[in-house]
Amino acid sequence: MSTGAGSSQAKGGSFVTDWKNEKEVDAYLGNLETEFGFQCYHEKLHDGCHRLANFYEQIRKDYPAAAKVLKSNCENNEYAESCFKLGTYHLVGRGEVEKSPQQAFRLFNRSCDMKFGSGCHNIGLMYQSGVAVEKKDFPKAAEFYKRGCELNNPDSCFRLGTLYLQGVEGIAKDFGKALEYSLKSCEQGHMLGCANVGHMYHTGDAGEKNAELATKYKTMAKEMQTEIKKVKKQIKFGE
């Protein structure tokens, strides 16, 4: 039942926000901010605080407010994901926080210690690229990629597999480990991990040539690539 142009519509006893009505949208967002604030400050829900920070970042575009909530949630509540995201702020100097790769490193490491896989992965990237550390250190990168992989971070599994596949300073080629970690990343939906597995079965680096398995994993990679392209088109269409 319509209640007039630019107003909410009742469906099943509830009201649906009319996204073309600026006042209704503002009211909805205000209620959302109040809800997340209540979860954070009154119910003391650490994930509620993180949702509040995400709200400030993604909806309000108020990065200083987001950074303040992230800092509190990391330091006072030891919420791993907030520590990680605050690290990304320090990496680029977002939200009026100091641009400091060293502080970002500490926060990523802290989140990694709290079993947040993306934190371990970013520490691995920093060791591999030589950011916030004295020099590039591939064995240390591998150590953190392994921790990330064990926490089911597919990017870490892929990176670790690639280090063993290519062989780098301090890490000898090991096709067995390359296959193990590439396969694990593939099983978690990593397109390039599947491509690496297919390539290894094609060349025999996996231990023996296997055309059937090579085709299987190359096909999986192509299907993932197709899905990624579809999602990108949908996002572009919705902009």
Protein backbone atom coordinates (compact mmCIF):
# COMPACT_ATOMS: atom_id res chain seq x y z
CA MET A 1 0.00 0.00 0.00
CA SER A 2 1.49 3.28 -1.07
CA THR A 3 1.34 6.18 1.36
CA GLY A 4 2.30 8.77 -1.22
CA ALA A 5 5.31 9.67 -3.30
CA GLY A 6 8.59 9.76 -1.45
CA SER A 7 7.29 7.97 1.66
CA SER A 8 7.77 4.60 3.31
CA GLN A 9 5.77 1.65 2.15
CA ALA A 10 4.22 -0.82 4.57
CA LYS A 11 5.11 -4.45 3.86
CA GLY A 12 4.11 -7.27 6.16
CA GLY A 13 3.46 -4.89 9.05
CA SER A 14 6.84 -3.13 8.78
CA PHE A 15 7.99 -0.06 6.93
CA VAL A 16 10.61 -0.02 4.19
CA THR A 17 12.79 3.03 3.73
CA ASP A 18 12.24 4.95 0.51
CA TRP A 19 15.84 5.47 -0.62
CA LYS A 20 14.80 8.34 -2.89
CA ASN A 21 13.50 10.29 0.09
CA GLU A 22 16.39 12.22 1.63
CA LYS A 23 14.66 12.71 4.98
CA GLU A 24 13.88 9.02 5.32
CA VAL A 25 17.43 8.05 4.42
CA ASP A 26 18.83 10.52 6.97
CA ALA A 27 16.48 9.15 9.61
CA TYR A 28 17.47 5.58 8.80
CA LEU A 29 21.19 6.37 8.99
CA GLY A 30 20.68 8.28 12.22
CA ASN A 31 18.94 5.29 13.75
CA LEU A 32 21.73 3.02 12.54
CA GLU A 33 24.37 5.24 14.13
CA THR A 34 22.41 5.29 17.39
CA GLU A 35 22.10 1.50 17.34
CA PHE A 36 25.81 0.91 16.79
CA GLY A 37 26.67 3.53 19.39
CA PHE A 38 24.38 1.82 21.91
CA GLN A 39 25.97 -1.56 21.14
CA CYS A 40 29.43 -0.09 21.65
CA TYR A 41 29.07 2.23 24.63
CA HIS A 42 26.17 0.75 26.58
CA GLU A 43 26.13 -2.96 25.76
CA LYS A 44 29.94 -2.99 25.62
CA LEU A 45 29.94 -5.13 22.49
CA HIS A 46 33.37 -5.02 20.90
CA ASP A 47 32.03 -6.00 17.49
CA GLY A 48 29.44 -3.24 17.92
CA CYS A 49 32.27 -0.73 18.32
CA HIS A 50 33.87 -2.04 15.16
CA ARG A 51 30.55 -1.69 13.32
CA LEU A 52 30.34 1.89 14.57
CA ALA A 53 33.82 2.59 13.20
CA ASN A 54 32.85 1.05 9.86
CA PHE A 55 29.72 3.23 9.84
CA TYR A 56 31.77 6.39 10.33
CA GLU A 57 34.22 5.30 7.64
CA GLN A 58 31.92 3.93 4.96
CA ILE A 59 28.72 5.93 5.44
CA ARG A 60 29.65 9.22 7.09
CA LYS A 61 33.14 9.38 5.55
CA ASP A 62 34.24 10.71 8.94
CA TYR A 63 37.67 9.11 9.11
CA PRO A 64 38.85 10.88 12.29
CA ALA A 65 35.76 9.61 14.15
CA ALA A 66 36.36 6.12 12.77
CA ALA A 67 40.02 6.22 13.82
CA LYS A 68 39.07 7.28 17.35
CA VAL A 69 36.69 4.34 17.76
CA LEU A 70 39.19 1.92 16.22
CA LYS A 71 41.94 3.09 18.57
CA SER A 72 39.73 2.67 21.64
CA ASN A 73 38.46 -0.72 20.53
CA CYS A 74 41.97 -1.94 19.83
CA GLU A 75 43.68 -0.61 22.94
CA ASN A 76 40.90 -1.03 25.51
CA ASN A 77 39.03 -4.05 24.17
CA GLU A 78 41.84 -5.79 22.27
CA TYR A 79 39.56 -6.34 19.28
CA ALA A 80 41.82 -7.77 16.59
CA GLU A 81 39.98 -6.46 13.54
CA SER A 82 40.01 -2.91 14.91
CA CYS A 83 43.77 -3.15 15.53
CA PHE A 84 44.21 -4.31 11.96
CA LYS A 85 42.09 -1.56 10.44
CA LEU A 86 43.80 1.10 12.56
CA GLY A 87 47.05 -0.24 11.13
CA THR A 88 45.79 0.45 7.62
CA TYR A 89 45.03 4.03 8.72
CA HIS A 90 48.61 4.51 9.94
CA LEU A 91 49.98 2.98 6.76
CA VAL A 92 48.53 5.80 4.63
CA GLY A 93 47.91 8.54 7.22
CA ARG A 94 44.10 8.37 7.09
CA GLY A 95 41.75 9.89 9.63
CA GLU A 96 44.23 12.47 10.92
CA VAL A 97 46.41 9.73 12.41
CA GLU A 98 50.15 9.86 11.90
CA LYS A 99 51.39 8.21 8.73
CA SER A 100 53.73 5.64 10.19
CA PRO A 101 54.55 2.28 8.56
CA GLN A 102 56.27 1.33 11.82
CA GLN A 103 53.08 1.88 13.81
CA ALA A 104 51.13 0.03 11.14
CA PHE A 105 53.58 -2.86 11.51
CA ARG A 106 53.05 -2.95 15.27
CA LEU A 107 49.26 -2.95 14.90
CA PHE A 108 49.26 -5.63 12.21
CA ASN A 109 51.55 -7.72 14.40
CA ARG A 110 49.26 -7.20 17.37
CA SER A 111 46.23 -8.35 15.38
CA CYS A 112 48.21 -11.35 14.11
CA ASP A 113 49.03 -12.32 17.69
CA MET A 114 45.29 -12.20 18.34
CA LYS A 115 44.76 -14.76 15.55
CA PHE A 116 43.57 -12.33 12.85
CA GLY A 117 44.89 -13.78 9.59
CA SER A 118 44.93 -10.53 7.60
CA GLY A 119 47.27 -9.02 10.19
CA CYS A 120 49.73 -11.89 9.73
CA HIS A 121 49.43 -11.52 5.97
CA ASN A 122 50.25 -7.81 6.04
CA ILE A 123 53.32 -8.44 8.20
CA GLY A 124 54.41 -10.99 5.61
CA LEU A 125 53.95 -8.41 2.85
CA MET A 126 56.00 -5.86 4.77
CA TYR A 127 58.88 -8.29 5.27
CA GLN A 128 58.73 -9.32 1.61
CA SER A 129 58.71 -5.72 0.33
CA GLY A 130 61.05 -4.26 2.97
CA VAL A 131 58.52 -1.79 4.43
CA ALA A 132 59.01 -0.76 8.09
CA VAL A 133 61.81 -3.31 8.47
CA GLU A 134 65.56 -2.99 7.99
CA LYS A 135 65.62 -5.01 4.78
CA LYS A 136 63.64 -7.55 2.81
CA ASP A 137 63.45 -10.83 4.67
CA PHE A 138 61.83 -13.66 2.72
CA PRO A 139 62.12 -16.31 5.47
CA LYS A 140 60.34 -13.96 7.91
CA ALA A 141 57.73 -13.22 5.25
CA ALA A 142 57.20 -16.95 4.82
CA GLU A 143 56.85 -17.36 8.58
CA PHE A 144 54.00 -14.85 8.72
CA TYR A 145 52.39 -16.09 5.52
CA LYS A 146 52.32 -19.54 7.12
CA ARG A 147 50.62 -18.11 10.21
CA GLY A 148 48.11 -16.33 7.99
CA CYS A 149 47.51 -19.47 5.96
CA GLU A 150 46.91 -21.49 9.12
CA LEU A 151 44.27 -18.88 10.00
CA ASN A 152 42.63 -19.52 6.62
CA ASN A 153 43.81 -16.41 4.82
CA PRO A 154 43.89 -17.51 1.14
CA ASP A 155 46.22 -14.67 0.10
CA SER A 156 48.80 -15.89 2.62
CA CYS A 157 48.53 -19.46 1.35
CA PHE A 158 49.00 -18.22 -2.21
CA ARG A 159 51.98 -16.01 -1.38
CA LEU A 160 53.66 -18.80 0.57
CA GLY A 161 53.11 -21.24 -2.28
CA THR A 162 54.60 -18.74 -4.73
CA LEU A 163 57.74 -18.29 -2.63
CA TYR A 164 58.34 -22.04 -2.70
CA LEU A 165 57.46 -22.25 -6.39
CA GLN A 166 59.91 -19.53 -7.44
CA GLY A 167 62.65 -19.94 -4.86
CA VAL A 168 63.95 -16.70 -3.35
CA GLU A 169 66.80 -15.59 -1.11
CA GLY A 170 66.73 -17.81 1.97
CA ILE A 171 64.01 -20.10 0.61
CA ALA A 172 64.86 -22.96 -1.75
CA LYS A 173 62.43 -24.15 -4.38
CA ASP A 174 60.15 -26.82 -2.97
CA PHE A 175 57.49 -27.96 -5.40
CA GLY A 176 55.85 -30.16 -2.79
CA LYS A 177 55.23 -27.21 -0.48
CA ALA A 178 54.38 -24.99 -3.44
CA LEU A 179 51.64 -27.42 -4.43
CA GLU A 180 50.42 -27.81 -0.85
CA TYR A 181 49.93 -24.11 -0.22
CA SER A 182 48.75 -23.25 -3.73
CA LEU A 183 46.14 -25.98 -3.44
CA LYS A 184 45.03 -24.69 -0.04
CA SER A 185 44.60 -21.18 -1.44
CA CYS A 186 42.65 -22.58 -4.40
CA GLU A 187 40.33 -24.50 -2.09
CA GLN A 188 39.57 -21.17 -0.39
CA GLY A 189 38.63 -19.54 -3.69
CA HIS A 190 41.93 -17.93 -4.73
CA MET A 191 41.94 -17.73 -8.53
CA LEU A 192 45.72 -17.46 -8.94
CA GLY A 193 46.23 -20.33 -6.52
CA CYS A 194 44.12 -22.55 -8.77
CA ALA A 195 46.07 -21.31 -11.80
CA ASN A 196 49.36 -22.24 -10.10
CA VAL A 197 48.09 -25.72 -9.27
CA GLY A 198 46.98 -26.21 -12.87
CA HIS A 199 50.34 -25.02 -14.14
CA MET A 200 52.23 -27.39 -11.84
CA TYR A 201 50.23 -30.38 -13.00
CA HIS A 202 50.76 -29.27 -16.60
CA THR A 203 54.55 -28.99 -16.28
CA GLY A 204 55.03 -31.89 -13.91
CA ASP A 205 56.28 -29.68 -11.08
CA ALA A 206 53.55 -31.25 -8.94
CA GLY A 207 55.48 -34.53 -9.09
CA GLU A 208 54.07 -35.83 -12.34
CA LYS A 209 52.28 -34.47 -15.35
CA ASN A 210 48.54 -34.90 -15.14
CA ALA A 211 46.55 -33.39 -17.99
CA GLU A 212 43.22 -34.11 -16.33
CA LEU A 213 44.10 -32.30 -13.10
CA ALA A 214 45.81 -29.49 -15.04
CA THR A 215 42.60 -28.90 -16.97
CA LYS A 216 40.49 -29.16 -13.82
CA TYR A 217 42.35 -26.44 -11.95
CA LYS A 218 42.81 -24.18 -14.96
CA THR A 219 39.05 -24.39 -15.53
CA MET A 220 38.40 -23.52 -11.87
CA ALA A 221 40.65 -20.46 -12.24
CA LYS A 222 38.84 -19.34 -15.40
CA GLU A 223 35.44 -19.75 -13.74
CA MET A 224 36.60 -17.65 -10.78
CA GLN A 225 37.91 -15.01 -13.18
CA THR A 226 34.52 -14.91 -14.91
CA GLU A 227 32.73 -14.44 -11.58
CA ILE A 228 35.11 -11.64 -10.61
CA LYS A 229 34.40 -9.84 -13.89
CA LYS A 230 30.64 -10.20 -13.30
CA VAL A 231 30.91 -8.68 -9.84
CA LYS A 232 33.01 -5.79 -11.14
CA LYS A 233 30.40 -5.08 -13.82
CA GLN A 234 27.63 -5.14 -11.23
CA ILE A 235 29.51 -2.73 -9.01
CA LYS A 236 30.21 -0.40 -11.92
CA PHE A 237 26.55 -0.56 -12.98
CA GLY A 238 25.42 0.34 -9.49
CA GLU A 239 27.68 3.42 -9.23
